[in-house]
Amino acid sequence: MFIFPTIDLVATGKNIVRLREESGLSVRNLQEIFGFATPQAIYKWQHGTAMPTIDNLIVLSAVFQVSMDEIIIVENNTQISA
Protein backbone atom coordinates (compact mmCIF):
# COMPACT_ATOMS: atom_id res chain seq x y z
CA MET A 1 0.00 0.00 0.00
CA PHE A 2 1.37 3.39 -1.02
CA ILE A 3 0.24 6.78 0.23
CA PHE A 4 0.49 9.57 -2.30
CA PRO A 5 -0.11 13.28 -1.78
CA THR A 6 -3.04 14.85 -3.62
CA ILE A 7 -4.01 18.48 -4.14
CA ASP A 8 -7.12 19.57 -2.26
CA LEU A 9 -8.75 21.71 -4.96
CA VAL A 10 -11.39 23.28 -2.72
CA ALA A 11 -8.91 24.18 0.04
CA THR A 12 -6.47 25.52 -2.57
CA GLY A 13 -9.28 27.64 -4.05
CA LYS A 14 -10.13 29.05 -0.63
CA ASN A 15 -6.44 29.77 -0.14
CA ILE A 16 -6.31 31.68 -3.44
CA VAL A 17 -9.31 33.76 -2.30
CA ARG A 18 -7.60 34.49 1.04
CA LEU A 19 -4.29 35.45 -0.58
CA ARG A 20 -6.07 37.61 -3.17
CA GLU A 21 -8.00 39.46 -0.49
CA GLU A 22 -4.90 39.88 1.71
CA SER A 23 -3.15 41.38 -1.32
CA GLY A 24 -6.01 43.85 -1.77
CA LEU A 25 -6.82 42.55 -5.23
CA SER A 26 -10.19 41.92 -6.85
CA VAL A 27 -10.99 39.15 -9.30
CA ARG A 28 -11.05 41.87 -11.95
CA ASN A 29 -7.50 42.89 -10.97
CA LEU A 30 -6.28 39.30 -11.44
CA GLN A 31 -8.14 39.07 -14.73
CA GLU A 32 -6.24 42.12 -15.96
CA ILE A 33 -2.89 40.83 -14.65
CA PHE A 34 -3.35 37.57 -16.54
CA GLY A 35 -4.84 39.25 -19.61
CA PHE A 36 -7.90 36.99 -19.52
CA ALA A 37 -10.91 38.08 -21.60
CA THR A 38 -13.26 36.86 -18.83
CA PRO A 39 -12.78 36.08 -15.12
CA GLN A 40 -14.13 32.51 -15.47
CA ALA A 41 -10.75 30.77 -14.96
CA ILE A 42 -10.14 32.71 -11.75
CA TYR A 43 -13.60 31.83 -10.42
CA LYS A 44 -12.94 28.16 -11.24
CA TRP A 45 -9.67 28.31 -9.29
CA GLN A 46 -11.40 29.95 -6.34
CA HIS A 47 -14.27 27.43 -6.30
CA GLY A 48 -11.92 24.45 -6.57
CA THR A 49 -13.28 23.22 -9.89
CA ALA A 50 -9.96 23.79 -11.69
CA MET A 51 -6.30 24.33 -10.83
CA PRO A 52 -4.15 27.10 -12.25
CA THR A 53 -1.55 25.83 -14.70
CA ILE A 54 2.08 25.83 -13.55
CA ASP A 55 2.82 29.07 -15.41
CA ASN A 56 -0.24 30.71 -13.82
CA LEU A 57 0.85 29.44 -10.39
CA ILE A 58 4.22 31.11 -10.94
CA VAL A 59 2.46 34.40 -11.69
CA LEU A 60 0.14 34.02 -8.68
CA SER A 61 3.11 33.38 -6.40
CA ALA A 62 4.81 36.53 -7.70
CA VAL A 63 1.63 38.62 -7.38
CA PHE A 64 0.88 37.34 -3.86
CA GLN A 65 4.60 37.34 -2.93
CA VAL A 66 4.46 33.77 -1.60
CA SER A 67 5.90 30.45 -2.78
CA MET A 68 3.77 28.07 -4.83
CA ASP A 69 3.83 25.75 -1.79
CA GLU A 70 1.97 28.44 0.13
CA ILE A 71 -0.78 28.50 -2.52
CA ILE A 72 -1.34 24.77 -3.02
CA ILE A 73 -2.95 22.74 -0.22
CA VAL A 74 -1.74 19.13 -0.26
CA GLU A 75 -3.31 16.16 1.50
CA ASN A 76 -1.37 12.96 2.19
CA ASN A 77 -4.27 10.55 2.33
CA THR A 78 -4.58 8.85 -1.05
CA GLN A 79 -3.80 5.16 -0.70
CA ILE A 80 -3.06 3.01 -3.73
CA SER A 81 -2.42 -0.72 -3.59
CA ALA A 82 0.21 -2.18 -5.81
C-alpha atoms as a PDB file:
ATOM      1  CA  MET A   1       0.000   0.000   0.000  1.00  0.00           C
ATOM      2  CA  PHE A   2       1.374   3.387  -1.022  1.00  0.00           C
ATOM      3  CA  ILE A   3       0.245   6.777   0.229  1.00  0.00           C
ATOM      4  CA  PHE A   4       0.493   9.575  -2.295  1.00  0.00           C
ATOM      5  CA  PRO A   5      -0.110  13.282  -1.784  1.00  0.00           C
ATOM      6  CA  THR A   6      -3.045  14.853  -3.618  1.00  0.00           C
ATOM      7  CA  ILE A   7      -4.011  18.476  -4.135  1.00  0.00           C
ATOM      8  CA  ASP A   8      -7.124  19.566  -2.261  1.00  0.00           C
ATOM      9  CA  LEU A   9      -8.750  21.705  -4.964  1.00  0.00           C
ATOM     10  CA  VAL A  10     -11.385  23.278  -2.719  1.00  0.00           C
ATOM     11  CA  ALA A  11      -8.908  24.180   0.039  1.00  0.00           C
ATOM     12  CA  THR A  12      -6.469  25.516  -2.568  1.00  0.00           C
ATOM     13  CA  GLY A  13      -9.276  27.638  -4.049  1.00  0.00           C
ATOM     14  CA  LYS A  14     -10.126  29.048  -0.627  1.00  0.00           C
ATOM     15  CA  ASN A  15      -6.444  29.772  -0.142  1.00  0.00           C
ATOM     16  CA  ILE A  16      -6.315  31.679  -3.441  1.00  0.00           C
ATOM     17  CA  VAL A  17      -9.306  33.762  -2.299  1.00  0.00           C
ATOM     18  CA  ARG A  18      -7.601  34.491   1.036  1.00  0.00           C
ATOM     19  CA  LEU A  19      -4.291  35.445  -0.583  1.00  0.00           C
ATOM     20  CA  ARG A  20      -6.065  37.612  -3.172  1.00  0.00           C
ATOM     21  CA  GLU A  21      -8.002  39.463  -0.485  1.00  0.00           C
ATOM     22  CA  GLU A  22      -4.901  39.882   1.708  1.00  0.00           C
ATOM     23  CA  SER A  23      -3.148  41.380  -1.318  1.00  0.00           C
ATOM     24  CA  GLY A  24      -6.009  43.849  -1.769  1.00  0.00           C
ATOM     25  CA  LEU A  25      -6.821  42.552  -5.229  1.00  0.00           C
ATOM     26  CA  SER A  26     -10.188  41.915  -6.848  1.00  0.00           C
ATOM     27  CA  VAL A  27     -10.992  39.150  -9.304  1.00  0.00           C
ATOM     28  CA  ARG A  28     -11.054  41.874 -11.954  1.00  0.00           C
ATOM     29  CA  ASN A  29      -7.496  42.892 -10.972  1.00  0.00           C
ATOM     30  CA  LEU A  30      -6.281  39.301 -11.439  1.00  0.00           C
ATOM     31  CA  GLN A  31      -8.144  39.070 -14.729  1.00  0.00           C
ATOM     32  CA  GLU A  32      -6.236  42.125 -15.964  1.00  0.00           C
ATOM     33  CA  ILE A  33      -2.887  40.834 -14.650  1.00  0.00           C
ATOM     34  CA  PHE A  34      -3.352  37.566 -16.540  1.00  0.00           C
ATOM     35  CA  GLY A  35      -4.843  39.246 -19.606  1.00  0.00           C
ATOM     36  CA  PHE A  36      -7.896  36.987 -19.519  1.00  0.00           C
ATOM     37  CA  ALA A  37     -10.909  38.084 -21.598  1.00  0.00           C
ATOM     38  CA  THR A  38     -13.255  36.855 -18.835  1.00  0.00           C
ATOM     39  CA  PRO A  39     -12.781  36.082 -15.123  1.00  0.00           C
ATOM     40  CA  GLN A  40     -14.127  32.508 -15.466  1.00  0.00           C
ATOM     41  CA  ALA A  41     -10.750  30.775 -14.959  1.00  0.00           C
ATOM     42  CA  ILE A  42     -10.141  32.713 -11.747  1.00  0.00           C
ATOM     43  CA  TYR A  43     -13.596  31.833 -10.420  1.00  0.00           C
ATOM     44  CA  LYS A  44     -12.944  28.164 -11.243  1.00  0.00           C
ATOM     45  CA  TRP A  45      -9.666  28.307  -9.289  1.00  0.00           C
ATOM     46  CA  GLN A  46     -11.400  29.950  -6.345  1.00  0.00           C
ATOM     47  CA  HIS A  47     -14.273  27.431  -6.300  1.00  0.00           C
ATOM     48  CA  GLY A  48     -11.922  24.454  -6.570  1.00  0.00           C
ATOM     49  CA  THR A  49     -13.282  23.221  -9.886  1.00  0.00           C
ATOM     50  CA  ALA A  50      -9.961  23.790 -11.687  1.00  0.00           C
ATOM     51  CA  MET A  51      -6.299  24.326 -10.834  1.00  0.00           C
ATOM     52  CA  PRO A  52      -4.149  27.100 -12.246  1.00  0.00           C
ATOM     53  CA  THR A  53      -1.545  25.830 -14.705  1.00  0.00           C
ATOM     54  CA  ILE A  54       2.077  25.834 -13.555  1.00  0.00           C
ATOM     55  CA  ASP A  55       2.818  29.072 -15.410  1.00  0.00           C
ATOM     56  CA  ASN A  56      -0.237  30.715 -13.824  1.00  0.00           C
ATOM     57  CA  LEU A  57       0.849  29.442 -10.385  1.00  0.00           C
ATOM     58  CA  ILE A  58       4.222  31.114 -10.936  1.00  0.00           C
ATOM     59  CA  VAL A  59       2.456  34.403 -11.694  1.00  0.00           C
ATOM     60  CA  LEU A  60       0.143  34.019  -8.676  1.00  0.00           C
ATOM     61  CA  SER A  61       3.109  33.381  -6.398  1.00  0.00           C
ATOM     62  CA  ALA A  62       4.807  36.533  -7.698  1.00  0.00           C
ATOM     63  CA  VAL A  63       1.631  38.615  -7.383  1.00  0.00           C
ATOM     64  CA  PHE A  64       0.882  37.337  -3.862  1.00  0.00           C
ATOM     65  CA  GLN A  65       4.603  37.337  -2.934  1.00  0.00           C
ATOM     66  CA  VAL A  66       4.464  33.775  -1.599  1.00  0.00           C
ATOM     67  CA  SER A  67       5.898  30.452  -2.775  1.00  0.00           C
ATOM     68  CA  MET A  68       3.774  28.069  -4.825  1.00  0.00           C
ATOM     69  CA  ASP A  69       3.827  25.753  -1.791  1.00  0.00           C
ATOM     70  CA  GLU A  70       1.967  28.443   0.127  1.00  0.00           C
ATOM     71  CA  ILE A  71      -0.781  28.505  -2.516  1.00  0.00           C
ATOM     72  CA  ILE A  72      -1.345  24.771  -3.023  1.00  0.00           C
ATOM     73  CA  ILE A  73      -2.947  22.736  -0.222  1.00  0.00           C
ATOM     74  CA  VAL A  74      -1.739  19.126  -0.259  1.00  0.00           C
ATOM     75  CA  GLU A  75      -3.313  16.156   1.502  1.00  0.00           C
ATOM     76  CA  ASN A  76      -1.374  12.961   2.191  1.00  0.00           C
ATOM     77  CA  ASN A  77      -4.273  10.551   2.331  1.00  0.00           C
ATOM     78  CA  THR A  78      -4.583   8.853  -1.052  1.00  0.00           C
ATOM     79  CA  GLN A  79      -3.802   5.165  -0.703  1.00  0.00           C
ATOM     80  CA  ILE A  80      -3.056   3.014  -3.730  1.00  0.00           C
ATOM     81  CA  SER A  81      -2.418  -0.722  -3.590  1.00  0.00           C
ATOM     82  CA  ALA A  82       0.211  -2.182  -5.808  1.00  0.00           C
END
